[in-house]
Amino acid sequence: MKKIFIIACIVIASVSAAFVGANGASAQVQFIPPGGSQFNPPPIAPPPPPKIEVPKIPQMDEVARPSYQVSPRPSFSDRVSTCLDEAAGSGLGPAEREAYSRSCANVK
């Protein structure tokens, strides 16, 4: 009885190995869809999913920390406009405004 069981197991294993080997050979054939070409590159892999982080929840008993970040310097044209406005508000004439705005914009 044991010999028949062992022989049956060997036969089943060899038949299943032959079946898997036959399917493995057919898996190597590349399927080309209609309208496609064998020279088309394979499609690119999709990008990784975005990383989702849980935002930090402020605690009721935690002291708020103010941000002491320095504000960026305004552009040169903004500084010139401000200086011209200051000069006009001071009652300077066109020639004095020009000289004042040049020196003022480079200092600010």
C-alpha atoms as a PDB file:
ATOM      1  CA  MET A   1       0.000   0.000   0.000  1.00  0.00           C
ATOM      2  CA  LYS A   2       2.816   2.387   0.877  1.00  0.00           C
ATOM      3  CA  LYS A   3       4.628   1.604  -2.400  1.00  0.00           C
ATOM      4  CA  ILE A   4       1.519   2.459  -4.443  1.00  0.00           C
ATOM      5  CA  PHE A   5       1.134   5.733  -2.579  1.00  0.00           C
ATOM      6  CA  ILE A   6       4.799   6.650  -3.163  1.00  0.00           C
ATOM      7  CA  ILE A   7       4.574   5.729  -6.861  1.00  0.00           C
ATOM      8  CA  ALA A   8       1.354   7.768  -7.234  1.00  0.00           C
ATOM      9  CA  CYS A   9       3.040  10.794  -5.653  1.00  0.00           C
ATOM     10  CA  ILE A  10       6.029  10.486  -7.995  1.00  0.00           C
ATOM     11  CA  VAL A  11       3.764  10.203 -11.047  1.00  0.00           C
ATOM     12  CA  ILE A  12       1.697  13.227  -9.978  1.00  0.00           C
ATOM     13  CA  ALA A  13       4.865  15.273  -9.333  1.00  0.00           C
ATOM     14  CA  SER A  14       6.359  14.415 -12.712  1.00  0.00           C
ATOM     15  CA  VAL A  15       3.115  15.178 -14.570  1.00  0.00           C
ATOM     16  CA  SER A  16       2.731  18.521 -12.787  1.00  0.00           C
ATOM     17  CA  ALA A  17       6.399  19.385 -13.512  1.00  0.00           C
ATOM     18  CA  ALA A  18       5.872  18.644 -17.200  1.00  0.00           C
ATOM     19  CA  PHE A  19       2.723  20.782 -17.207  1.00  0.00           C
ATOM     20  CA  VAL A  20       4.494  23.712 -15.520  1.00  0.00           C
ATOM     21  CA  GLY A  21       7.437  23.376 -17.948  1.00  0.00           C
ATOM     22  CA  ALA A  22       5.102  23.560 -20.943  1.00  0.00           C
ATOM     23  CA  ASN A  23       3.407  26.695 -19.573  1.00  0.00           C
ATOM     24  CA  GLY A  24       6.750  28.271 -18.764  1.00  0.00           C
ATOM     25  CA  ALA A  25       7.864  27.976 -22.401  1.00  0.00           C
ATOM     26  CA  SER A  26       4.720  29.685 -23.672  1.00  0.00           C
ATOM     27  CA  ALA A  27       5.127  32.494 -21.127  1.00  0.00           C
ATOM     28  CA  GLN A  28       8.316  33.586 -22.855  1.00  0.00           C
ATOM     29  CA  VAL A  29       6.478  34.614 -26.027  1.00  0.00           C
ATOM     30  CA  GLN A  30       5.755  38.352 -26.043  1.00  0.00           C
ATOM     31  CA  PHE A  31       2.197  39.392 -26.849  1.00  0.00           C
ATOM     32  CA  ILE A  32       1.991  42.344 -29.255  1.00  0.00           C
ATOM     33  CA  PRO A  33      -1.398  44.101 -29.145  1.00  0.00           C
ATOM     34  CA  PRO A  34      -3.204  45.039 -32.374  1.00  0.00           C
ATOM     35  CA  GLY A  35      -1.801  48.245 -33.838  1.00  0.00           C
ATOM     36  CA  GLY A  36       1.414  47.844 -31.824  1.00  0.00           C
ATOM     37  CA  SER A  37       4.923  47.133 -32.974  1.00  0.00           C
ATOM     38  CA  GLN A  38       7.731  45.036 -31.596  1.00  0.00           C
ATOM     39  CA  PHE A  39       9.924  48.132 -31.837  1.00  0.00           C
ATOM     40  CA  ASN A  40       7.799  50.236 -29.465  1.00  0.00           C
ATOM     41  CA  PRO A  41       9.486  50.723 -26.106  1.00  0.00           C
ATOM     42  CA  PRO A  42       7.767  49.174 -23.102  1.00  0.00           C
ATOM     43  CA  PRO A  43       5.516  51.547 -21.156  1.00  0.00           C
ATOM     44  CA  ILE A  44       7.185  53.419 -18.331  1.00  0.00           C
ATOM     45  CA  ALA A  45       6.489  52.425 -14.762  1.00  0.00           C
ATOM     46  CA  PRO A  46       3.949  54.571 -12.920  1.00  0.00           C
ATOM     47  CA  PRO A  47       5.395  57.080 -10.433  1.00  0.00           C
ATOM     48  CA  PRO A  48       5.346  56.143  -6.767  1.00  0.00           C
ATOM     49  CA  PRO A  49       2.275  57.236  -4.839  1.00  0.00           C
ATOM     50  CA  PRO A  50       2.595  60.559  -2.997  1.00  0.00           C
ATOM     51  CA  LYS A  51       3.722  60.413   0.593  1.00  0.00           C
ATOM     52  CA  ILE A  52       0.865  61.419   2.851  1.00  0.00           C
ATOM     53  CA  GLU A  53       1.832  62.818   6.219  1.00  0.00           C
ATOM     54  CA  VAL A  54      -0.450  63.625   9.092  1.00  0.00           C
ATOM     55  CA  PRO A  55      -0.094  67.303  10.073  1.00  0.00           C
ATOM     56  CA  LYS A  56       1.035  68.131  13.588  1.00  0.00           C
ATOM     57  CA  ILE A  57      -1.916  69.015  15.777  1.00  0.00           C
ATOM     58  CA  PRO A  58      -1.258  71.913  18.169  1.00  0.00           C
ATOM     59  CA  GLN A  59      -1.693  71.062  21.835  1.00  0.00           C
ATOM     60  CA  MET A  60      -3.822  73.182  24.145  1.00  0.00           C
ATOM     61  CA  ASP A  61      -1.160  73.518  26.868  1.00  0.00           C
ATOM     62  CA  GLU A  62       1.734  74.148  24.467  1.00  0.00           C
ATOM     63  CA  VAL A  63       3.149  77.673  24.243  1.00  0.00           C
ATOM     64  CA  ALA A  64       2.979  79.136  20.742  1.00  0.00           C
ATOM     65  CA  ARG A  65       6.415  79.915  19.295  1.00  0.00           C
ATOM     66  CA  PRO A  66       6.473  82.991  17.065  1.00  0.00           C
ATOM     67  CA  SER A  67       8.441  82.917  13.843  1.00  0.00           C
ATOM     68  CA  TYR A  68      11.362  85.343  13.848  1.00  0.00           C
ATOM     69  CA  GLN A  69      12.104  84.933  10.161  1.00  0.00           C
ATOM     70  CA  VAL A  70      13.433  88.086   8.503  1.00  0.00           C
ATOM     71  CA  SER A  71      11.226  89.367   5.693  1.00  0.00           C
ATOM     72  CA  PRO A  72      12.926  89.400   2.262  1.00  0.00           C
ATOM     73  CA  ARG A  73      14.358  92.657   0.935  1.00  0.00           C
ATOM     74  CA  PRO A  74      12.036  94.429  -1.530  1.00  0.00           C
ATOM     75  CA  SER A  75      13.112  94.619  -5.168  1.00  0.00           C
ATOM     76  CA  PHE A  76      15.190  97.547  -6.451  1.00  0.00           C
ATOM     77  CA  SER A  77      12.259  99.037  -8.388  1.00  0.00           C
ATOM     78  CA  ASP A  78      10.092  98.894  -5.255  1.00  0.00           C
ATOM     79  CA  ARG A  79      12.810 100.686  -3.263  1.00  0.00           C
ATOM     80  CA  VAL A  80      13.185 103.368  -5.975  1.00  0.00           C
ATOM     81  CA  SER A  81       9.399 103.931  -6.047  1.00  0.00           C
ATOM     82  CA  THR A  82       9.301 104.275  -2.257  1.00  0.00           C
ATOM     83  CA  CYS A  83      12.209 106.736  -2.297  1.00  0.00           C
ATOM     84  CA  LEU A  84      10.598 108.814  -5.058  1.00  0.00           C
ATOM     85  CA  ASP A  85       7.372 108.955  -3.054  1.00  0.00           C
ATOM     86  CA  GLU A  86       9.275 110.067   0.042  1.00  0.00           C
ATOM     87  CA  ALA A  87      11.138 112.739  -1.946  1.00  0.00           C
ATOM     88  CA  ALA A  88       7.924 114.061  -3.511  1.00  0.00           C
ATOM     89  CA  GLY A  89       6.263 114.095  -0.090  1.00  0.00           C
ATOM     90  CA  SER A  90       9.156 116.157   1.247  1.00  0.00           C
ATOM     91  CA  GLY A  91       8.624 118.759  -1.475  1.00  0.00           C
ATOM     92  CA  LEU A  92      11.837 118.135  -3.436  1.00  0.00           C
ATOM     93  CA  GLY A  93      12.015 119.146  -7.100  1.00  0.00           C
ATOM     94  CA  PRO A  94      12.686 116.711  -9.986  1.00  0.00           C
ATOM     95  CA  ALA A  95      16.492 117.061  -9.891  1.00  0.00           C
ATOM     96  CA  GLU A  96      16.636 116.644  -6.101  1.00  0.00           C
ATOM     97  CA  ARG A  97      14.248 113.655  -6.276  1.00  0.00           C
ATOM     98  CA  GLU A  98      16.562 111.961  -8.764  1.00  0.00           C
ATOM     99  CA  ALA A  99      19.634 112.367  -6.551  1.00  0.00           C
ATOM    100  CA  TYR A 100      17.695 111.430  -3.402  1.00  0.00           C
ATOM    101  CA  SER A 101      16.152 108.296  -4.962  1.00  0.00           C
ATOM    102  CA  ARG A 102      19.567 107.078  -6.200  1.00  0.00           C
ATOM    103  CA  SER A 103      21.208 107.340  -2.806  1.00  0.00           C
ATOM    104  CA  CYS A 104      18.117 106.200  -0.909  1.00  0.00           C
ATOM    105  CA  ALA A 105      17.447 103.040  -2.984  1.00  0.00           C
ATOM    106  CA  ASN A 106      21.034 101.827  -2.629  1.00  0.00           C
ATOM    107  CA  VAL A 107      20.995 102.278   1.150  1.00  0.00           C
ATOM    108  CA  LYS A 108      17.639 100.622   1.917  1.00  0.00           C
END
